[in-house]
Amino acid sequence: MASSVILAGLGLAAVGFGARFVIRTIPALGKKMADTVYNVPKLDSKIFASSKYYKGGFEPKMTKREAALILNVSPNASQQKVRVIQ
């Protein structure tokens, strides 16, 4: 009987300390979340303008130039260099 009372007391103490921790951290967490939301970069065309990806269209049948653009190698790259990139 006494051991169950001690265990119940320890359980209540653990719940109390956990609740105290949560109550103390919620305001700081809310402020961090608000700062993160306000500091998100805006998505516009300027961000994508400096993209390293090829923006043009492709031919119906892939050419050597298009394959080089996709693999990000020179069109004159050797077959060995293309294999190393994989």
PDB file of N, CA and C in Angstrom:
ATOM      1  N   MET A   1       0.831  -1.187   0.000  1.00  0.00           N
ATOM      2  CA  MET A   1       0.000   0.000   0.000  1.00  0.00           C
ATOM      3  C   MET A   1       0.873   1.247   0.000  1.00  0.00           C
ATOM      4  N   ALA A   2       1.902   1.233   0.821  1.00  0.00           N
ATOM      5  CA  ALA A   2       2.759   2.413   0.921  1.00  0.00           C
ATOM      6  C   ALA A   2       3.545   2.624  -0.374  1.00  0.00           C
ATOM      7  N   SER A   3       3.942   1.535  -1.004  1.00  0.00           N
ATOM      8  CA  SER A   3       4.716   1.682  -2.246  1.00  0.00           C
ATOM      9  C   SER A   3       3.852   2.271  -3.368  1.00  0.00           C
ATOM     10  N   SER A   4       2.569   1.926  -3.401  1.00  0.00           N
ATOM     11  CA  SER A   4       1.700   2.490  -4.437  1.00  0.00           C
ATOM     12  C   SER A   4       1.475   3.985  -4.206  1.00  0.00           C
ATOM     13  N   VAL A   5       1.422   4.403  -2.946  1.00  0.00           N
ATOM     14  CA  VAL A   5       1.265   5.827  -2.636  1.00  0.00           C
ATOM     15  C   VAL A   5       2.533   6.584  -3.050  1.00  0.00           C
ATOM     16  N   ILE A   6       3.688   5.996  -2.813  1.00  0.00           N
ATOM     17  CA  ILE A   6       4.954   6.631  -3.203  1.00  0.00           C
ATOM     18  C   ILE A   6       5.048   6.725  -4.723  1.00  0.00           C
ATOM     19  N   LEU A   7       4.685   5.659  -5.415  1.00  0.00           N
ATOM     20  CA  LEU A   7       4.703   5.684  -6.881  1.00  0.00           C
ATOM     21  C   LEU A   7       3.720   6.714  -7.434  1.00  0.00           C
ATOM     22  N   ALA A   8       2.554   6.821  -6.836  1.00  0.00           N
ATOM     23  CA  ALA A   8       1.568   7.819  -7.270  1.00  0.00           C
ATOM     24  C   ALA A   8       2.114   9.222  -7.050  1.00  0.00           C
ATOM     25  N   GLY A   9       2.777   9.457  -5.925  1.00  0.00           N
ATOM     26  CA  GLY A   9       3.368  10.766  -5.652  1.00  0.00           C
ATOM     27  C   GLY A   9       4.472  11.105  -6.638  1.00  0.00           C
ATOM     28  N   LEU A  10       5.321  10.123  -6.946  1.00  0.00           N
ATOM     29  CA  LEU A  10       6.381  10.354  -7.925  1.00  0.00           C
ATOM     30  C   LEU A  10       5.795  10.620  -9.312  1.00  0.00           C
ATOM     31  N   GLY A  11       4.731   9.918  -9.653  1.00  0.00           N
ATOM     32  CA  GLY A  11       4.066  10.138 -10.938  1.00  0.00           C
ATOM     33  C   GLY A  11       3.486  11.533 -11.037  1.00  0.00           C
ATOM     34  N   LEU A  12       2.836  11.985  -9.971  1.00  0.00           N
ATOM     35  CA  LEU A  12       2.280  13.340  -9.953  1.00  0.00           C
ATOM     36  C   LEU A  12       3.383  14.386 -10.013  1.00  0.00           C
ATOM     37  N   ALA A  13       4.484  14.136  -9.338  1.00  0.00           N
ATOM     38  CA  ALA A  13       5.608  15.074  -9.384  1.00  0.00           C
ATOM     39  C   ALA A  13       6.168  15.160 -10.807  1.00  0.00           C
ATOM     40  N   ALA A  14       6.299  14.021 -11.482  1.00  0.00           N
ATOM     41  CA  ALA A  14       6.799  14.019 -12.856  1.00  0.00           C
ATOM     42  C   ALA A  14       5.852  14.770 -13.784  1.00  0.00           C
ATOM     43  N   VAL A  15       4.551  14.563 -13.607  1.00  0.00           N
ATOM     44  CA  VAL A  15       3.573  15.281 -14.424  1.00  0.00           C
ATOM     45  C   VAL A  15       3.654  16.784 -14.142  1.00  0.00           C
ATOM     46  N   GLY A  16       3.824  17.139 -12.889  1.00  0.00           N
ATOM     47  CA  GLY A  16       3.926  18.558 -12.529  1.00  0.00           C
ATOM     48  C   GLY A  16       5.159  19.217 -13.136  1.00  0.00           C
ATOM     49  N   PHE A  17       6.311  18.546 -13.044  1.00  0.00           N
ATOM     50  CA  PHE A  17       7.527  19.116 -13.635  1.00  0.00           C
ATOM     51  C   PHE A  17       7.418  19.201 -15.162  1.00  0.00           C
ATOM     52  N   GLY A  18       6.804  18.200 -15.765  1.00  0.00           N
ATOM     53  CA  GLY A  18       6.611  18.236 -17.223  1.00  0.00           C
ATOM     54  C   GLY A  18       5.702  19.376 -17.646  1.00  0.00           C
ATOM     55  N   ALA A  19       4.614  19.566 -16.917  1.00  0.00           N
ATOM     56  CA  ALA A  19       3.683  20.659 -17.226  1.00  0.00           C
ATOM     57  C   ALA A  19       4.367  22.014 -17.033  1.00  0.00           C
ATOM     58  N   ARG A  20       5.160  22.132 -15.982  1.00  0.00           N
ATOM     59  CA  ARG A  20       5.886  23.387 -15.729  1.00  0.00           C
ATOM     60  C   ARG A  20       6.847  23.689 -16.876  1.00  0.00           C
ATOM     61  N   PHE A  21       7.535  22.668 -17.351  1.00  0.00           N
ATOM     62  CA  PHE A  21       8.459  22.853 -18.468  1.00  0.00           C
ATOM     63  C   PHE A  21       7.715  23.312 -19.718  1.00  0.00           C
ATOM     64  N   VAL A  22       6.595  22.660 -20.018  1.00  0.00           N
ATOM     65  CA  VAL A  22       5.817  23.008 -21.209  1.00  0.00           C
ATOM     66  C   VAL A  22       5.278  24.431 -21.110  1.00  0.00           C
ATOM     67  N   ILE A  23       4.761  24.805 -19.961  1.00  0.00           N
ATOM     68  CA  ILE A  23       4.200  26.146 -19.785  1.00  0.00           C
ATOM     69  C   ILE A  23       5.281  27.213 -19.925  1.00  0.00           C
ATOM     70  N   ARG A  24       6.483  26.925 -19.469  1.00  0.00           N
ATOM     71  CA  ARG A  24       7.571  27.908 -19.581  1.00  0.00           C
ATOM     72  C   ARG A  24       8.115  28.028 -20.995  1.00  0.00           C
ATOM     73  N   THR A  25       8.059  26.968 -21.785  1.00  0.00           N
ATOM     74  CA  THR A  25       8.651  27.010 -23.125  1.00  0.00           C
ATOM     75  C   THR A  25       7.681  27.446 -24.211  1.00  0.00           C
ATOM     76  N   ILE A  26       6.388  27.410 -23.975  1.00  0.00           N
ATOM     77  CA  ILE A  26       5.421  27.783 -25.010  1.00  0.00           C
ATOM     78  C   ILE A  26       5.593  29.231 -25.485  1.00  0.00           C
ATOM     79  N   PRO A  27       5.754  30.223 -24.620  1.00  0.00           N
ATOM     80  CA  PRO A  27       5.918  31.594 -25.138  1.00  0.00           C
ATOM     81  C   PRO A  27       7.163  31.753 -26.019  1.00  0.00           C
ATOM     82  N   ALA A  28       8.274  31.161 -25.625  1.00  0.00           N
ATOM     83  CA  ALA A  28       9.490  31.268 -26.430  1.00  0.00           C
ATOM     84  C   ALA A  28       9.320  30.531 -27.752  1.00  0.00           C
ATOM     85  N   LEU A  29       8.653  29.398 -27.742  1.00  0.00           N
ATOM     86  CA  LEU A  29       8.419  28.641 -28.958  1.00  0.00           C
ATOM     87  C   LEU A  29       7.529  29.421 -29.920  1.00  0.00           C
ATOM     88  N   GLY A  30       6.510  30.079 -29.376  1.00  0.00           N
ATOM     89  CA  GLY A  30       5.626  30.893 -30.213  1.00  0.00           C
ATOM     90  C   GLY A  30       6.373  32.045 -30.862  1.00  0.00           C
ATOM     91  N   LYS A  31       7.279  32.677 -30.132  1.00  0.00           N
ATOM     92  CA  LYS A  31       8.058  33.783 -30.689  1.00  0.00           C
ATOM     93  C   LYS A  31       8.996  33.280 -31.779  1.00  0.00           C
ATOM     94  N   LYS A  32       9.636  32.138 -31.562  1.00  0.00           N
ATOM     95  CA  LYS A  32      10.520  31.573 -32.591  1.00  0.00           C
ATOM     96  C   LYS A  32       9.743  31.223 -33.850  1.00  0.00           C
ATOM     97  N   MET A  33       8.553  30.674 -33.695  1.00  0.00           N
ATOM     98  CA  MET A  33       7.744  30.332 -34.854  1.00  0.00           C
ATOM     99  C   MET A  33       7.315  31.579 -35.609  1.00  0.00           C
ATOM    100  N   ALA A  34       6.936  32.633 -34.902  1.00  0.00           N
ATOM    101  CA  ALA A  34       6.533  33.880 -35.554  1.00  0.00           C
ATOM    102  C   ALA A  34       7.708  34.495 -36.307  1.00  0.00           C
ATOM    103  N   ASP A  35       8.893  34.500 -35.698  1.00  0.00           N
ATOM    104  CA  ASP A  35      10.082  35.030 -36.382  1.00  0.00           C
ATOM    105  C   ASP A  35      10.388  34.234 -37.641  1.00  0.00           C
ATOM    106  N   THR A  36      10.249  32.926 -37.565  1.00  0.00           N
ATOM    107  CA  THR A  36      10.512  32.075 -38.729  1.00  0.00           C
ATOM    108  C   THR A  36       9.530  32.368 -39.853  1.00  0.00           C
ATOM    109  N   VAL A  37       8.269  32.547 -39.524  1.00  0.00           N
ATOM    110  CA  VAL A  37       7.254  32.826 -40.541  1.00  0.00           C
ATOM    111  C   VAL A  37       7.518  34.170 -41.203  1.00  0.00           C
ATOM    112  N   TYR A  38       7.902  35.179 -40.435  1.00  0.00           N
ATOM    113  CA  TYR A  38       8.139  36.499 -41.010  1.00  0.00           C
ATOM    114  C   TYR A  38       9.432  36.566 -41.810  1.00  0.00           C
ATOM    115  N   ASN A  39      10.381  35.690 -41.556  1.00  0.00           N
ATOM    116  CA  ASN A  39      11.665  35.728 -42.248  1.00  0.00           C
ATOM    117  C   ASN A  39      11.761  34.757 -43.417  1.00  0.00           C
ATOM    118  N   VAL A  40      10.658  34.159 -43.820  1.00  0.00           N
ATOM    119  CA  VAL A  40      10.661  33.253 -44.964  1.00  0.00           C
ATOM    120  C   VAL A  40      10.881  34.086 -46.224  1.00  0.00           C
ATOM    121  N   PRO A  41      11.826  33.685 -47.089  1.00  0.00           N
ATOM    122  CA  PRO A  41      12.054  34.476 -48.307  1.00  0.00           C
ATOM    123  C   PRO A  41      10.844  34.424 -49.230  1.00  0.00           C
ATOM    124  N   LYS A  42      10.618  35.523 -49.908  1.00  0.00           N
ATOM    125  CA  LYS A  42       9.493  35.606 -50.837  1.00  0.00           C
ATOM    126  C   LYS A  42       9.836  34.848 -52.122  1.00  0.00           C
ATOM    127  N   LEU A  43       8.885  34.140 -52.644  1.00  0.00           N
ATOM    128  CA  LEU A  43       9.088  33.404 -53.887  1.00  0.00           C
ATOM    129  C   LEU A  43       8.681  34.297 -55.053  1.00  0.00           C
ATOM    130  N   ASP A  44       9.659  34.738 -55.815  1.00  0.00           N
ATOM    131  CA  ASP A  44       9.388  35.532 -56.999  1.00  0.00           C
ATOM    132  C   ASP A  44      10.343  35.132 -58.113  1.00  0.00           C
ATOM    133  N   SER A  45      10.236  35.792 -59.238  1.00  0.00           N
ATOM    134  CA  SER A  45      11.047  35.410 -60.394  1.00  0.00           C
ATOM    135  C   SER A  45      12.523  35.707 -60.194  1.00  0.00           C
ATOM    136  N   LYS A  46      12.875  36.625 -59.290  1.00  0.00           N
ATOM    137  CA  LYS A  46      14.285  36.951 -59.062  1.00  0.00           C
ATOM    138  C   LYS A  46      15.035  35.777 -58.450  1.00  0.00           C
ATOM    139  N   ILE A  47      14.375  35.015 -57.626  1.00  0.00           N
ATOM    140  CA  ILE A  47      15.012  33.855 -57.004  1.00  0.00           C
ATOM    141  C   ILE A  47      15.342  32.821 -58.072  1.00  0.00           C
ATOM    142  N   PHE A  48      14.412  32.620 -58.989  1.00  0.00           N
ATOM    143  CA  PHE A  48      14.604  31.605 -60.016  1.00  0.00           C
ATOM    144  C   PHE A  48      15.470  32.097 -61.168  1.00  0.00           C
ATOM    145  N   ALA A  49      15.688  33.413 -61.267  1.00  0.00           N
ATOM    146  CA  ALA A  49      16.483  33.960 -62.359  1.00  0.00           C
ATOM    147  C   ALA A  49      17.939  33.526 -62.249  1.00  0.00           C
ATOM    148  N   SER A  50      18.437  33.370 -61.027  1.00  0.00           N
ATOM    149  CA  SER A  50      19.829  32.983 -60.847  1.00  0.00           C
ATOM    150  C   SER A  50      19.987  31.473 -60.687  1.00  0.00           C
ATOM    151  N   SER A  51      18.979  30.743 -61.066  1.00  0.00           N
ATOM    152  CA  SER A  51      19.022  29.293 -60.939  1.00  0.00           C
ATOM    153  C   SER A  51      20.068  28.705 -61.880  1.00  0.00           C
ATOM    154  N   LYS A  52      20.704  27.630 -61.458  1.00  0.00           N
ATOM    155  CA  LYS A  52      21.726  26.992 -62.276  1.00  0.00           C
ATOM    156  C   LYS A  52      21.129  26.021 -63.297  1.00  0.00           C
ATOM    157  N   TYR A  53      19.822  25.849 -63.289  1.00  0.00           N
ATOM    158  CA  TYR A  53      19.185  24.894 -64.181  1.00  0.00           C
ATOM    159  C   TYR A  53      18.912  25.519 -65.542  1.00  0.00           C
ATOM    160  N   TYR A  54      18.929  24.703 -66.547  1.00  0.00           N
ATOM    161  CA  TYR A  54      18.679  25.134 -67.916  1.00  0.00           C
ATOM    162  C   TYR A  54      17.215  25.514 -68.069  1.00  0.00           C
ATOM    163  N   LYS A  55      16.968  26.716 -68.589  1.00  0.00           N
ATOM    164  CA  LYS A  55      15.601  27.223 -68.664  1.00  0.00           C
ATOM    165  C   LYS A  55      14.947  27.010 -70.025  1.00  0.00           C
ATOM    166  N   GLY A  56      15.716  26.644 -71.013  1.00  0.00           N
ATOM    167  CA  GLY A  56      15.168  26.497 -72.356  1.00  0.00           C
ATOM    168  C   GLY A  56      14.436  25.181 -72.551  1.00  0.00           C
ATOM    169  N   GLY A  57      13.768  25.087 -73.695  1.00  0.00           N
ATOM    170  CA  GLY A  57      13.090  23.847 -74.033  1.00  0.00           C
ATOM    171  C   GLY A  57      14.051  22.870 -74.678  1.00  0.00           C
ATOM    172  N   PHE A  58      13.598  21.681 -74.915  1.00  0.00           N
ATOM    173  CA  PHE A  58      14.424  20.657 -75.509  1.00  0.00           C
ATOM    174  C   PHE A  58      13.851  20.252 -76.865  1.00  0.00           C
ATOM    175  N   GLU A  59      14.706  19.691 -77.681  1.00  0.00           N
ATOM    176  CA  GLU A  59      14.319  19.208 -79.003  1.00  0.00           C
ATOM    177  C   GLU A  59      13.533  17.903 -78.856  1.00  0.00           C
ATOM    178  N   PRO A  60      12.746  17.537 -79.869  1.00  0.00           N
ATOM    179  CA  PRO A  60      11.996  16.268 -79.784  1.00  0.00           C
ATOM    180  C   PRO A  60      12.910  15.052 -79.597  1.00  0.00           C
ATOM    181  N   LYS A  61      14.078  15.078 -80.257  1.00  0.00           N
ATOM    182  CA  LYS A  61      15.043  14.009 -80.059  1.00  0.00           C
ATOM    183  C   LYS A  61      16.260  14.615 -79.370  1.00  0.00           C
ATOM    184  N   MET A  62      16.715  13.995 -78.278  1.00  0.00           N
ATOM    185  CA  MET A  62      17.791  14.578 -77.479  1.00  0.00           C
ATOM    186  C   MET A  62      19.086  14.660 -78.283  1.00  0.00           C
ATOM    187  N   THR A  63      19.701  15.836 -78.221  1.00  0.00           N
ATOM    188  CA  THR A  63      20.985  16.032 -78.882  1.00  0.00           C
ATOM    189  C   THR A  63      22.106  15.898 -77.861  1.00  0.00           C
ATOM    190  N   LYS A  64      23.323  15.875 -78.350  1.00  0.00           N
ATOM    191  CA  LYS A  64      24.478  15.777 -77.449  1.00  0.00           C
ATOM    192  C   LYS A  64      24.564  17.010 -76.548  1.00  0.00           C
ATOM    193  N   ARG A  65      24.217  18.171 -77.087  1.00  0.00           N
ATOM    194  CA  ARG A  65      24.239  19.415 -76.306  1.00  0.00           C
ATOM    195  C   ARG A  65      23.235  19.353 -75.152  1.00  0.00           C
ATOM    196  N   GLU A  66      22.038  18.876 -75.416  1.00  0.00           N
ATOM    197  CA  GLU A  66      21.019  18.763 -74.379  1.00  0.00           C
ATOM    198  C   GLU A  66      21.435  17.769 -73.295  1.00  0.00           C
ATOM    199  N   ALA A  67      22.014  16.658 -73.699  1.00  0.00           N
ATOM    200  CA  ALA A  67      22.473  15.670 -72.725  1.00  0.00           C
ATOM    201  C   ALA A  67      23.566  16.269 -71.849  1.00  0.00           C
ATOM    202  N   ALA A  68      24.445  17.064 -72.456  1.00  0.00           N
ATOM    203  CA  ALA A  68      25.510  17.708 -71.677  1.00  0.00           C
ATOM    204  C   ALA A  68      24.927  18.708 -70.691  1.00  0.00           C
ATOM    205  N   LEU A  69      23.885  19.440 -71.103  1.00  0.00           N
ATOM    206  CA  LEU A  69      23.243  20.380 -70.184  1.00  0.00           C
ATOM    207  C   LEU A  69      22.615  19.652 -68.995  1.00  0.00           C
ATOM    208  N   ILE A  70      21.966  18.543 -69.259  1.00  0.00           N
ATOM    209  CA  ILE A  70      21.321  17.780 -68.184  1.00  0.00           C
ATOM    210  C   ILE A  70      22.359  17.222 -67.216  1.00  0.00           C
ATOM    211  N   LEU A  71      23.460  16.715 -67.751  1.00  0.00           N
ATOM    212  CA  LEU A  71      24.501  16.117 -66.909  1.00  0.00           C
ATOM    213  C   LEU A  71      25.464  17.146 -66.334  1.00  0.00           C
ATOM    214  N   ASN A  72      25.327  18.401 -66.766  1.00  0.00           N
ATOM    215  CA  ASN A  72      26.175  19.490 -66.292  1.00  0.00           C
ATOM    216  C   ASN A  72      27.646  19.219 -66.605  1.00  0.00           C
ATOM    217  N   VAL A  73      27.904  18.800 -67.837  1.00  0.00           N
ATOM    218  CA  VAL A  73      29.266  18.597 -68.322  1.00  0.00           C
ATOM    219  C   VAL A  73      29.403  19.345 -69.645  1.00  0.00           C
ATOM    220  N   SER A  74      30.602  19.476 -70.109  1.00  0.00           N
ATOM    221  CA  SER A  74      30.868  20.095 -71.400  1.00  0.00           C
ATOM    222  C   SER A  74      30.366  19.182 -72.515  1.00  0.00           C
ATOM    223  N   PRO A  75      29.856  19.752 -73.612  1.00  0.00           N
ATOM    224  CA  PRO A  75      29.439  18.899 -74.726  1.00  0.00           C
ATOM    225  C   PRO A  75      30.601  18.101 -75.313  1.00  0.00           C
ATOM    226  N   ASN A  76      31.827  18.554 -75.064  1.00  0.00           N
ATOM    227  CA  ASN A  76      33.003  17.854 -75.569  1.00  0.00           C
ATOM    228  C   ASN A  76      33.600  16.900 -74.529  1.00  0.00           C
ATOM    229  N   ALA A  77      32.902  16.654 -73.430  1.00  0.00           N
ATOM    230  CA  ALA A  77      33.431  15.797 -72.367  1.00  0.00           C
ATOM    231  C   ALA A  77      33.587  14.364 -72.870  1.00  0.00           C
ATOM    232  N   SER A  78      34.615  13.728 -72.356  1.00  0.00           N
ATOM    233  CA  SER A  78      34.857  12.344 -72.771  1.00  0.00           C
ATOM    234  C   SER A  78      33.842  11.412 -72.124  1.00  0.00           C
ATOM    235  N   GLN A  79      33.713  10.246 -72.703  1.00  0.00           N
ATOM    236  CA  GLN A  79      32.792   9.259 -72.171  1.00  0.00           C
ATOM    237  C   GLN A  79      33.192   8.838 -70.762  1.00  0.00           C
ATOM    238  N   GLN A  80      34.483   8.823 -70.475  1.00  0.00           N
ATOM    239  CA  GLN A  80      34.980   8.449 -69.152  1.00  0.00           C
ATOM    240  C   GLN A  80      34.537   9.477 -68.105  1.00  0.00           C
ATOM    241  N   LYS A  81      34.586  10.774 -68.438  1.00  0.00           N
ATOM    242  CA  LYS A  81      34.181  11.808 -67.500  1.00  0.00           C
ATOM    243  C   LYS A  81      32.689  11.710 -67.209  1.00  0.00           C
ATOM    244  N   VAL A  82      31.890  11.411 -68.212  1.00  0.00           N
ATOM    245  CA  VAL A  82      30.454  11.273 -68.009  1.00  0.00           C
ATOM    246  C   VAL A  82      30.161  10.092 -67.098  1.00  0.00           C
ATOM    247  N   ARG A  83      30.888   9.008 -67.244  1.00  0.00           N
ATOM    248  CA  ARG A  83      30.684   7.843 -66.365  1.00  0.00           C
ATOM    249  C   ARG A  83      31.085   8.144 -64.942  1.00  0.00           C
ATOM    250  N   VAL A  84      32.127   8.943 -64.722  1.00  0.00           N
ATOM    251  CA  VAL A  84      32.607   9.260 -63.368  1.00  0.00           C
ATOM    252  C   VAL A  84      31.578  10.075 -62.627  1.00  0.00           C
ATOM    253  N   ILE A  85      30.839  10.920 -63.312  1.00  0.00           N
ATOM    254  CA  ILE A  85      29.860  11.782 -62.668  1.00  0.00           C
ATOM    255  C   ILE A  85      28.738  10.960 -62.049  1.00  0.00           C
ATOM    256  N   GLN A  86      28.395   9.863 -62.652  1.00  0.00           N
ATOM    257  CA  GLN A  86      27.294   9.051 -62.133  1.00  0.00           C
ATOM    258  C   GLN A  86      27.630   8.653 -60.744  1.00  0.00           C
TER     259      GLN A  86
END
